[in-house]
Amino acid sequence: MWGVVGVLLYLAVRHNFEPLLLVPIAFGALLANLPSEGMINKPAGELVSPVNGTVVAVNADEQRNVILPHVPIERVGHLTKFSDEADLVNLFEEENAIQNLDERTLMAVIRPDRGDPELLQKRIAVPFNGTTIEISPEDYLVWADASGNISRLYVGAGEKVNKGQPLLRVYSDHTGGLYHYISLGILLELFPPLIFLGVGALTDFGPLIANPRTLLLGAAAQFGVFATFIGAILLGFSPQAAGAIGIIGGADGPTSIFLANALAPDLLAPIAVAAYSYMALVPLIQPPIMTALTTKKERKIRMKSLRKVSKLEKLLFALIVTVFCILLVPPAAPLIGMLLLGNFLRECGVTERLSKAAQNELINVVTIFLGTSVGITMTGERFLRGETLKILALGVIAFGVATAAGVLMAKFMNLFSKNKINPLIGSAGVSAVPMAARVSQVVGQKYDPGNFLLMHAMGPNVAGVIGTALVAGYFISVLAQH
């Protein structure tokens, strides 16, 4: 993991790849792989059931000490992740072997009410707390998450429990670590919407209002999200994980973090690293796709100058889009609401101080905490596994499909339009604002130095921000396990 940290810092510092995010993420990852006492340890408290079910066994006595290791070990909750029965037995034997050190951290086994009936009937004998119990591959393990003394035991073997119901209470006079509390900004879904507030304050929606048809280019880029969603499922990911991975194709880091936290928290680190790394690589990934799908003649198309958009139009746009999008996809409300609030602060003309605060102090402070909170989840056990490589590969596919879909949509629209669209701006449908729009400008000027595509490309670029937020809200509404 120190090698991974070195690579991220090298890309950020030496090559200027998204340094505002990759530097905090890399430094957070460094902290995550050092003794973390006082940094990420949780405060003692109640340990709850992860699922509705029946208590199979409890490994706890009142007043017994629970001592977690200084460097946290990634624990597996749902046993279906174990493909080999021997590995599962070894897990319990390892836990049993250290019982004399008072470091047993496996507190309970819960059998869910619902699951694969065939797996629920399967029984595997494992050692547990000085005896032998039978578990099924569908069972859940409940690990201690804080050091302390068990002050109260609420349930026993054979009892029914509901998801979130307390199983036992651990007491300690020590508080949680610094980043346990800072990371709540991600867990409680605070940081990504606050980033969107700053993005809205920094963004001019005028190009989109002046040329509304570019909204279709931003929508077309979302094909990358759905193509990757299907690809992730084919590679064996769950629908929830596939949705979180697919959103990488939207090229929107905060949205990727927001959705990963909601659908697949265990994949938050690789998804965030993939999203921000590939956002930084947009100038390298997009141009070959853009040139491969367009002719020299198409790249030289000059678009008509955009009309001036009035202040009233911009204010009405912010209000109408807020209402329409939230009514259409309610789970997208935190992102859409903050994005358009920031934009309204920018455009109304009477909240200059608030607009500047959102553009500067707020977004800068939140970016530091967001990046390090993502990095702090990058323990070796969580990050260095095959799933990470699959996510990185799917991320490239997501960006490529999104770019191609935007370019092809522009070419398709030109079949029915008198006022031709330069297909190069279709690549800006991904929501990497304003980097993707700048790439359209650079590639366009390579073939016609007098062609200025930047403002035209900003239309699909900001449309992509809205589109990705709506897709994220859709995935939450359909895939979230309530």
Protein backbone atom coordinates (compact mmCIF):
# COMPACT_ATOMS: atom_id res chain seq x y z
CA MET A 1 0.00 0.00 0.00
CA TRP A 2 2.93 2.35 0.54
CA GLY A 3 3.77 1.67 -3.11
CA VAL A 4 0.23 2.64 -4.11
CA VAL A 5 0.58 5.82 -2.04
CA GLY A 6 3.85 6.62 -3.83
CA VAL A 7 2.27 6.16 -7.26
CA LEU A 8 -0.68 8.43 -6.40
CA LEU A 9 1.60 11.14 -5.02
CA TYR A 10 3.85 10.87 -8.06
CA LEU A 11 0.91 11.28 -10.46
CA ALA A 12 -0.46 14.21 -8.48
CA VAL A 13 2.77 16.12 -7.77
CA ARG A 14 4.88 15.28 -10.80
CA HIS A 15 2.18 15.13 -13.48
CA ASN A 16 -0.49 17.37 -11.93
CA PHE A 17 -3.20 14.65 -12.16
CA GLU A 18 -6.10 15.91 -10.02
CA PRO A 19 -3.69 16.99 -7.25
CA LEU A 20 -6.42 18.62 -5.15
CA LEU A 21 -7.96 15.18 -4.58
CA LEU A 22 -5.18 12.68 -5.17
CA VAL A 23 -2.81 14.25 -2.63
CA PRO A 24 -5.34 14.09 0.26
CA ILE A 25 -6.45 10.59 -0.83
CA ALA A 26 -2.84 9.35 -0.97
CA PHE A 27 -1.94 10.85 2.40
CA GLY A 28 -5.10 9.37 3.93
CA ALA A 29 -4.09 5.97 2.53
CA LEU A 30 -0.67 6.35 4.14
CA LEU A 31 -2.28 7.02 7.52
CA ALA A 32 -4.62 4.04 7.05
CA ASN A 33 -1.65 1.69 6.75
CA LEU A 34 0.18 2.88 9.86
CA PRO A 35 -0.71 2.13 13.50
CA SER A 36 -3.98 4.03 13.71
CA GLU A 37 -4.65 4.51 17.42
CA GLY A 38 -6.35 7.87 17.78
CA MET A 39 -6.94 8.22 14.04
CA ILE A 40 -9.70 5.90 12.79
CA ASN A 41 -10.68 3.81 15.81
CA LYS A 42 -14.39 3.88 16.64
CA PRO A 43 -15.71 4.88 20.05
CA ALA A 44 -17.15 2.10 22.19
CA GLY A 45 -20.91 1.67 22.13
CA GLU A 46 -23.65 -0.68 21.07
CA LEU A 47 -23.00 -3.42 18.55
CA VAL A 48 -26.06 -4.07 16.38
CA SER A 49 -27.39 -6.83 14.16
CA PRO A 50 -26.65 -6.35 10.42
CA VAL A 51 -29.76 -8.25 9.33
CA ASN A 52 -33.16 -9.59 10.39
CA GLY A 53 -32.60 -13.13 11.64
CA THR A 54 -31.81 -15.50 14.48
CA VAL A 55 -28.78 -15.47 16.78
CA VAL A 56 -26.82 -18.68 16.12
CA ALA A 57 -24.15 -18.09 18.77
CA VAL A 58 -22.75 -15.34 21.00
CA ASN A 59 -19.10 -15.01 21.93
CA ALA A 60 -19.40 -12.51 24.77
CA ASP A 61 -19.62 -12.36 28.55
CA GLU A 62 -20.30 -9.28 30.63
CA GLN A 63 -17.13 -7.53 31.83
CA ARG A 64 -14.94 -9.33 29.29
CA ASN A 65 -12.34 -7.15 27.60
CA VAL A 66 -12.30 -6.63 23.84
CA ILE A 67 -8.94 -5.42 22.56
CA LEU A 68 -8.66 -4.58 18.89
CA PRO A 69 -5.27 -4.59 17.14
CA HIS A 70 -3.63 -1.20 16.50
CA VAL A 71 -3.78 -1.77 12.75
CA PRO A 72 -7.38 -2.75 11.89
CA ILE A 73 -7.91 -6.00 10.00
CA GLU A 74 -10.59 -6.04 7.35
CA ARG A 75 -13.28 -8.45 8.53
CA VAL A 76 -15.80 -10.25 6.33
CA GLY A 77 -19.41 -9.93 7.47
CA HIS A 78 -21.41 -12.06 5.05
CA LEU A 79 -20.07 -15.59 4.75
CA THR A 80 -21.15 -16.08 1.12
CA LYS A 81 -17.92 -14.28 0.23
CA PHE A 82 -16.09 -17.49 1.22
CA SER A 83 -15.88 -19.84 -1.75
CA ASP A 84 -13.76 -22.41 0.09
CA GLU A 85 -15.15 -24.20 3.15
CA ALA A 86 -11.62 -24.73 4.50
CA ASP A 87 -10.97 -20.97 4.49
CA LEU A 88 -14.10 -20.47 6.55
CA VAL A 89 -13.03 -23.08 9.13
CA ASN A 90 -9.57 -21.46 9.28
CA LEU A 91 -11.17 -18.10 10.02
CA PHE A 92 -12.90 -19.49 13.10
CA GLU A 93 -9.81 -21.46 14.18
CA GLU A 94 -7.71 -18.29 13.97
CA GLU A 95 -10.23 -16.42 16.06
CA ASN A 96 -10.33 -19.28 18.58
CA ALA A 97 -6.52 -19.52 18.79
CA ILE A 98 -6.10 -16.06 20.31
CA GLN A 99 -8.80 -16.34 22.93
CA ASN A 100 -6.24 -16.39 25.77
CA LEU A 101 -5.03 -12.96 24.70
CA ASP A 102 -8.45 -11.38 25.24
CA GLU A 103 -8.41 -10.27 21.63
CA ARG A 104 -11.36 -12.28 20.40
CA THR A 105 -13.30 -9.84 18.27
CA LEU A 106 -15.96 -12.13 16.78
CA MET A 107 -18.98 -11.35 18.93
CA ALA A 108 -21.91 -13.16 17.32
CA VAL A 109 -23.20 -15.16 14.36
CA ILE A 110 -26.60 -14.21 12.89
CA ARG A 111 -28.62 -16.37 10.50
CA PRO A 112 -30.78 -14.22 8.19
CA ASP A 113 -34.50 -14.81 7.76
CA ARG A 114 -34.11 -14.51 4.01
CA GLY A 115 -31.41 -15.93 1.80
CA ASP A 116 -30.64 -18.76 -0.56
CA PRO A 117 -32.70 -21.67 0.84
CA GLU A 118 -30.14 -24.21 -0.36
CA LEU A 119 -27.26 -22.40 1.34
CA LEU A 120 -29.28 -21.88 4.52
CA GLN A 121 -29.76 -25.65 4.78
CA LYS A 122 -26.05 -26.34 4.34
CA ARG A 123 -24.20 -26.80 7.65
CA ILE A 124 -20.47 -26.39 8.32
CA ALA A 125 -18.96 -27.31 11.69
CA VAL A 126 -16.55 -24.69 13.07
CA PRO A 127 -14.84 -24.09 16.46
CA PHE A 128 -16.40 -21.27 18.45
CA ASN A 129 -15.72 -20.07 22.01
CA GLY A 130 -14.42 -23.41 23.27
CA THR A 131 -17.08 -25.53 21.58
CA THR A 132 -18.28 -26.41 18.07
CA ILE A 133 -21.21 -24.82 16.25
CA GLU A 134 -22.82 -25.34 12.86
CA ILE A 135 -23.10 -22.38 10.52
CA SER A 136 -24.41 -21.87 7.00
CA PRO A 137 -22.74 -19.94 4.14
CA GLU A 138 -25.58 -17.39 4.37
CA ASP A 139 -24.81 -16.43 7.98
CA TYR A 140 -23.46 -13.05 9.05
CA LEU A 141 -20.53 -12.51 11.39
CA VAL A 142 -20.69 -9.58 13.81
CA TRP A 143 -17.24 -8.30 14.75
CA ALA A 144 -16.39 -5.92 17.55
CA ASP A 145 -15.51 -2.49 16.19
CA ALA A 146 -14.05 -0.86 19.33
CA SER A 147 -11.91 -1.80 22.32
CA GLY A 148 -13.43 -1.79 25.80
CA ASN A 149 -15.36 -3.86 28.34
CA ILE A 150 -18.63 -5.59 27.54
CA SER A 151 -20.98 -3.83 29.95
CA ARG A 152 -24.24 -5.42 28.87
CA LEU A 153 -25.40 -8.41 26.84
CA TYR A 154 -28.85 -7.99 25.28
CA VAL A 155 -29.42 -11.30 23.43
CA GLY A 156 -28.56 -14.97 23.59
CA ALA A 157 -28.34 -17.89 21.17
CA GLY A 158 -31.66 -18.78 19.56
CA GLU A 159 -33.25 -15.35 19.93
CA LYS A 160 -34.79 -13.43 17.01
CA VAL A 161 -33.30 -10.04 16.19
CA ASN A 162 -34.13 -7.23 13.76
CA LYS A 163 -31.67 -5.31 11.62
CA GLY A 164 -30.15 -2.54 13.76
CA GLN A 165 -31.22 -4.13 17.05
CA PRO A 166 -28.51 -3.89 19.78
CA LEU A 167 -26.75 -7.16 20.57
CA LEU A 168 -24.40 -5.94 23.28
CA ARG A 169 -22.82 -2.80 24.66
CA VAL A 170 -19.08 -2.11 24.95
CA TYR A 171 -17.90 0.54 27.40
CA SER A 172 -14.66 2.52 27.28
CA ASP A 173 -13.59 5.92 28.58
CA HIS A 174 -11.71 6.58 25.33
CA THR A 175 -13.31 8.54 22.50
CA GLY A 176 -13.09 7.64 18.82
CA GLY A 177 -10.23 8.64 16.57
CA LEU A 178 -10.03 11.92 14.67
CA TYR A 179 -11.01 10.47 11.31
CA HIS A 180 -13.80 8.38 12.75
CA TYR A 181 -15.65 11.66 13.19
CA ILE A 182 -14.40 13.42 10.06
CA SER A 183 -15.36 10.40 7.93
CA LEU A 184 -18.95 10.80 9.08
CA GLY A 185 -19.09 13.49 6.40
CA ILE A 186 -19.05 10.65 3.86
CA LEU A 187 -21.07 8.11 5.85
CA LEU A 188 -23.81 10.67 6.51
CA GLU A 189 -23.58 11.87 2.88
CA LEU A 190 -22.58 15.44 3.76
CA PHE A 191 -19.35 16.02 1.83
CA PRO A 192 -20.47 15.24 -1.78
CA PRO A 193 -23.49 17.60 -1.65
CA LEU A 194 -21.30 20.34 -0.17
CA ILE A 195 -18.84 19.85 -3.03
CA PHE A 196 -21.80 20.21 -5.41
CA LEU A 197 -22.71 23.49 -3.72
CA GLY A 198 -19.27 24.81 -4.63
CA VAL A 199 -19.43 23.38 -8.15
CA GLY A 200 -22.78 25.10 -8.70
CA ALA A 201 -21.33 28.40 -7.54
CA LEU A 202 -18.44 27.98 -9.97
CA THR A 203 -20.52 26.94 -12.99
CA ASP A 204 -22.16 29.07 -15.66
CA PHE A 205 -25.25 27.32 -17.05
CA GLY A 206 -25.62 29.98 -19.74
CA PRO A 207 -24.21 27.84 -22.61
CA LEU A 208 -26.73 25.10 -21.86
CA ILE A 209 -29.62 27.56 -21.69
CA ALA A 210 -28.52 29.23 -24.93
CA ASN A 211 -28.32 25.90 -26.77
CA PRO A 212 -30.72 23.48 -25.02
CA ARG A 213 -30.20 20.67 -27.52
CA THR A 214 -26.74 20.06 -26.02
CA LEU A 215 -28.65 18.57 -23.10
CA LEU A 216 -28.99 15.47 -25.31
CA LEU A 217 -25.20 15.20 -25.51
CA GLY A 218 -24.94 15.16 -21.73
CA ALA A 219 -27.67 12.52 -21.61
CA ALA A 220 -25.94 10.40 -24.27
CA ALA A 221 -22.76 10.27 -22.18
CA GLN A 222 -24.72 8.38 -19.51
CA PHE A 223 -24.64 5.36 -21.80
CA GLY A 224 -21.17 4.83 -20.40
CA VAL A 225 -22.68 4.43 -16.93
CA PHE A 226 -25.23 1.82 -18.00
CA ALA A 227 -22.80 -0.08 -20.24
CA THR A 228 -20.37 -0.38 -17.35
CA PHE A 229 -23.21 -1.38 -15.02
CA ILE A 230 -23.98 -4.32 -17.30
CA GLY A 231 -20.28 -5.17 -17.65
CA ALA A 232 -19.80 -5.18 -13.86
CA ILE A 233 -22.71 -7.58 -13.41
CA LEU A 234 -21.22 -9.89 -16.07
CA LEU A 235 -17.95 -9.85 -14.10
CA GLY A 236 -19.75 -11.11 -11.01
CA PHE A 237 -20.45 -7.93 -9.06
CA SER A 238 -23.76 -7.53 -7.26
CA PRO A 239 -26.28 -5.07 -8.79
CA GLN A 240 -25.51 -2.60 -5.97
CA ALA A 241 -21.77 -2.78 -6.56
CA ALA A 242 -22.29 -2.63 -10.35
CA GLY A 243 -24.31 0.57 -10.01
CA ALA A 244 -21.62 2.18 -7.87
CA ILE A 245 -18.90 1.13 -10.33
CA GLY A 246 -20.90 2.24 -13.38
CA ILE A 247 -21.20 5.82 -12.17
CA ILE A 248 -17.44 6.19 -12.73
CA GLY A 249 -18.41 6.69 -16.38
CA GLY A 250 -20.04 9.97 -15.42
CA ALA A 251 -16.58 11.37 -14.61
CA ASP A 252 -17.89 12.93 -11.42
CA GLY A 253 -15.86 12.19 -8.29
CA PRO A 254 -18.31 13.45 -5.62
CA THR A 255 -21.20 11.57 -7.26
CA SER A 256 -19.11 8.39 -7.40
CA ILE A 257 -18.38 8.71 -3.68
CA PHE A 258 -22.01 9.54 -2.88
CA LEU A 259 -23.32 6.47 -4.74
CA ALA A 260 -20.60 4.10 -3.53
CA ASN A 261 -21.36 5.02 0.08
CA ALA A 262 -25.06 4.34 -0.51
CA LEU A 263 -24.74 1.08 -2.46
CA ALA A 264 -21.30 -0.48 -1.90
CA PRO A 265 -19.38 1.09 1.02
CA ASP A 266 -16.74 -1.65 0.92
CA LEU A 267 -15.80 -0.55 -2.62
CA LEU A 268 -15.67 3.17 -1.80
CA ALA A 269 -11.87 3.45 -1.93
CA PRO A 270 -11.18 1.79 -5.32
CA ILE A 271 -14.20 3.51 -6.91
CA ALA A 272 -13.09 6.95 -5.68
CA VAL A 273 -9.48 6.39 -6.76
CA ALA A 274 -10.61 5.14 -10.20
CA ALA A 275 -13.01 8.06 -10.66
CA TYR A 276 -10.51 10.77 -9.79
CA SER A 277 -7.57 9.09 -11.54
CA TYR A 278 -9.46 8.76 -14.81
CA MET A 279 -10.84 12.28 -14.48
CA ALA A 280 -7.24 13.43 -14.44
CA LEU A 281 -6.55 11.28 -17.52
CA VAL A 282 -9.41 12.77 -19.57
CA PRO A 283 -6.89 14.68 -21.79
CA LEU A 284 -5.25 11.35 -22.61
CA ILE A 285 -8.29 9.06 -22.83
CA GLN A 286 -10.67 11.20 -24.86
CA PRO A 287 -8.71 12.59 -27.88
CA PRO A 288 -8.00 9.21 -29.56
CA ILE A 289 -11.68 8.26 -29.29
CA MET A 290 -12.80 11.67 -30.57
CA THR A 291 -10.55 11.57 -33.62
CA ALA A 292 -11.35 7.92 -34.39
CA LEU A 293 -15.09 8.64 -34.55
CA THR A 294 -14.98 11.89 -36.54
CA THR A 295 -13.75 13.05 -39.94
CA LYS A 296 -11.46 16.04 -40.51
CA LYS A 297 -14.42 17.88 -42.01
CA GLU A 298 -16.54 17.28 -38.91
CA ARG A 299 -13.75 18.44 -36.61
CA LYS A 300 -13.58 21.76 -38.48
CA ILE A 301 -17.30 22.56 -38.13
CA ARG A 302 -17.73 26.07 -36.76
CA MET A 303 -20.79 26.57 -34.62
CA LYS A 304 -22.80 29.78 -34.45
CA SER A 305 -22.01 32.13 -31.58
CA LEU A 306 -24.21 31.60 -28.54
CA ARG A 307 -26.77 34.25 -27.69
CA LYS A 308 -26.46 36.20 -24.46
CA VAL A 309 -28.54 34.64 -21.67
CA SER A 310 -30.31 37.02 -19.31
CA LYS A 311 -30.06 36.94 -15.54
CA LEU A 312 -33.77 36.11 -15.26
CA GLU A 313 -33.37 33.08 -17.53
CA LYS A 314 -30.53 31.74 -15.38
CA LEU A 315 -32.49 32.19 -12.15
CA LEU A 316 -35.61 30.53 -13.59
CA PHE A 317 -33.46 27.71 -14.95
CA ALA A 318 -32.03 26.99 -11.50
CA LEU A 319 -35.49 26.92 -9.91
CA ILE A 320 -37.23 24.92 -12.64
CA VAL A 321 -34.48 22.31 -12.96
CA THR A 322 -34.39 21.88 -9.16
CA VAL A 323 -38.14 21.23 -8.98
CA PHE A 324 -38.29 19.02 -12.07
CA CYS A 325 -35.26 16.84 -11.24
CA ILE A 326 -36.17 16.28 -7.60
CA LEU A 327 -39.77 15.38 -8.48
CA LEU A 328 -38.46 13.04 -11.17
CA VAL A 329 -35.75 11.36 -9.04
CA PRO A 330 -36.16 12.22 -5.32
CA PRO A 331 -32.97 10.43 -4.13
CA ALA A 332 -30.94 12.85 -6.28
CA ALA A 333 -32.21 15.77 -4.18
CA PRO A 334 -29.02 16.27 -2.08
CA LEU A 335 -26.83 16.62 -5.17
CA ILE A 336 -29.24 18.49 -7.46
CA GLY A 337 -30.47 20.75 -4.67
CA MET A 338 -26.99 21.84 -3.61
CA LEU A 339 -25.77 22.20 -7.21
CA LEU A 340 -28.58 24.56 -8.14
CA LEU A 341 -28.47 26.40 -4.80
CA GLY A 342 -24.83 27.20 -5.48
CA ASN A 343 -25.70 28.35 -8.99
CA PHE A 344 -28.55 30.52 -7.73
CA LEU A 345 -26.16 32.16 -5.24
CA ARG A 346 -23.84 32.87 -8.16
CA GLU A 347 -26.44 34.32 -10.50
CA CYS A 348 -28.83 36.24 -8.23
CA GLY A 349 -26.34 39.08 -7.71
CA VAL A 350 -27.20 39.80 -4.06
CA THR A 351 -25.26 37.01 -2.33
CA GLU A 352 -21.75 37.64 -3.59
CA ARG A 353 -20.13 36.83 -0.23
CA LEU A 354 -21.95 33.51 0.00
CA SER A 355 -21.12 32.64 -3.59
CA LYS A 356 -17.43 33.36 -3.08
CA ALA A 357 -17.40 31.37 0.17
CA ALA A 358 -18.92 28.37 -1.63
CA GLN A 359 -16.43 28.74 -4.50
CA ASN A 360 -13.37 29.04 -2.29
CA GLU A 361 -13.28 28.41 1.47
CA LEU A 362 -16.09 25.86 1.67
CA ILE A 363 -15.15 23.72 -1.32
CA ASN A 364 -11.44 23.80 -0.38
CA VAL A 365 -12.00 22.70 3.23
CA VAL A 366 -14.46 19.98 2.26
CA THR A 367 -12.10 18.74 -0.48
CA ILE A 368 -9.34 18.17 2.09
CA PHE A 369 -11.61 16.22 4.41
CA LEU A 370 -13.32 14.33 1.58
CA GLY A 371 -10.03 13.19 0.06
CA THR A 372 -8.41 12.09 3.31
CA SER A 373 -11.62 10.37 4.45
CA VAL A 374 -11.59 8.30 1.25
CA GLY A 375 -7.89 7.56 1.64
CA ILE A 376 -8.32 6.45 5.25
CA THR A 377 -10.46 3.54 4.02
CA MET A 378 -7.61 2.26 1.78
CA THR A 379 -6.23 -0.45 4.02
CA GLY A 380 -4.26 -3.17 2.26
CA GLU A 381 -6.88 -5.82 2.98
CA ARG A 382 -9.58 -3.69 1.42
CA PHE A 383 -7.71 -2.26 -1.58
CA LEU A 384 -5.19 -4.87 -2.71
CA ARG A 385 -7.52 -7.48 -4.14
CA GLY A 386 -8.78 -8.63 -7.51
CA GLU A 387 -11.92 -6.52 -7.33
CA THR A 388 -9.80 -3.36 -7.44
CA LEU A 389 -8.21 -4.34 -10.76
CA LYS A 390 -11.65 -5.11 -12.19
CA ILE A 391 -12.94 -1.71 -11.07
CA LEU A 392 -9.96 0.10 -12.62
CA ALA A 393 -10.52 -1.76 -15.91
CA LEU A 394 -14.25 -1.03 -15.86
CA GLY A 395 -13.48 2.63 -15.18
CA VAL A 396 -11.54 2.94 -18.43
CA ILE A 397 -14.38 1.26 -20.32
CA ALA A 398 -16.88 3.61 -18.67
CA PHE A 399 -14.99 6.72 -19.77
CA GLY A 400 -14.46 5.38 -23.26
CA VAL A 401 -18.12 4.45 -23.83
CA ALA A 402 -19.35 7.75 -22.37
CA THR A 403 -17.02 9.73 -24.65
CA ALA A 404 -17.98 7.72 -27.73
CA ALA A 405 -21.71 7.96 -26.97
CA GLY A 406 -21.55 11.76 -26.75
CA VAL A 407 -19.65 12.07 -30.04
CA LEU A 408 -21.97 9.66 -31.85
CA MET A 409 -25.05 11.46 -30.52
CA ALA A 410 -23.75 14.74 -31.97
CA LYS A 411 -23.20 13.05 -35.35
CA PHE A 412 -26.72 11.61 -35.21
CA MET A 413 -28.22 15.01 -34.40
CA ASN A 414 -26.44 16.52 -37.38
CA LEU A 415 -28.44 14.23 -39.66
CA PHE A 416 -31.58 16.23 -38.80
CA SER A 417 -30.18 19.68 -38.05
CA LYS A 418 -29.43 22.63 -40.29
CA ASN A 419 -27.22 24.23 -37.66
CA LYS A 420 -24.51 21.61 -37.43
CA ILE A 421 -22.91 20.61 -34.14
CA ASN A 422 -19.18 19.97 -34.03
CA PRO A 423 -19.13 16.32 -32.81
CA LEU A 424 -16.05 17.04 -30.72
CA ILE A 425 -18.20 18.79 -28.11
CA GLY A 426 -20.13 15.55 -27.61
CA SER A 427 -17.18 14.20 -25.63
CA ALA A 428 -17.79 16.94 -23.06
CA GLY A 429 -21.01 15.19 -22.03
CA VAL A 430 -19.04 13.56 -19.21
CA SER A 431 -19.27 15.78 -16.17
CA ALA A 432 -15.59 16.51 -15.60
CA VAL A 433 -16.15 20.28 -15.44
CA PRO A 434 -14.47 22.13 -17.14
CA MET A 435 -11.71 19.70 -18.12
CA ALA A 436 -13.75 17.80 -20.71
CA ALA A 437 -14.85 21.06 -22.35
CA ARG A 438 -11.22 22.17 -22.56
CA VAL A 439 -10.30 18.90 -24.27
CA SER A 440 -12.94 19.60 -26.93
CA GLN A 441 -11.43 23.05 -27.43
CA VAL A 442 -7.85 21.74 -27.68
CA VAL A 443 -8.68 18.97 -30.15
CA GLY A 444 -10.80 21.33 -32.25
CA GLN A 445 -8.07 23.95 -32.49
CA LYS A 446 -5.59 21.30 -33.52
CA TYR A 447 -7.49 21.01 -36.83
CA ASP A 448 -8.71 24.61 -37.05
CA PRO A 449 -6.79 27.13 -34.91
CA GLY A 450 -9.52 29.71 -35.39
CA ASN A 451 -12.32 27.51 -34.09
CA PHE A 452 -13.42 28.24 -30.51
CA LEU A 453 -15.47 25.39 -29.05
CA LEU A 454 -15.00 25.96 -25.32
CA MET A 455 -18.29 27.75 -24.58
CA HIS A 456 -20.22 25.40 -26.87
CA ALA A 457 -18.70 22.42 -25.06
CA MET A 458 -19.70 23.83 -21.67
CA GLY A 459 -23.35 23.14 -22.57
CA PRO A 460 -23.04 19.33 -22.66
CA ASN A 461 -20.46 19.51 -19.88
CA VAL A 462 -22.85 21.00 -17.31
CA ALA A 463 -25.67 18.86 -18.69
CA GLY A 464 -23.50 15.86 -17.85
CA VAL A 465 -23.26 17.01 -14.22
CA ILE A 466 -27.05 17.06 -13.94
CA GLY A 467 -27.42 13.79 -15.85
CA THR A 468 -24.93 11.90 -13.69
CA ALA A 469 -26.61 13.12 -10.50
CA LEU A 470 -29.99 11.92 -11.82
CA VAL A 471 -28.58 8.52 -12.76
CA ALA A 472 -27.06 8.20 -9.27
CA GLY A 473 -30.44 9.00 -7.74
CA TYR A 474 -32.09 6.44 -10.00
CA PHE A 475 -29.65 3.73 -8.95
CA ILE A 476 -30.28 4.53 -5.28
CA SER A 477 -34.05 4.36 -5.73
CA VAL A 478 -33.88 1.03 -7.57
CA LEU A 479 -30.92 -0.76 -6.03
CA ALA A 480 -30.59 0.46 -2.44
CA GLN A 481 -31.38 -2.24 0.12
CA HIS A 482 -33.68 -0.58 2.61
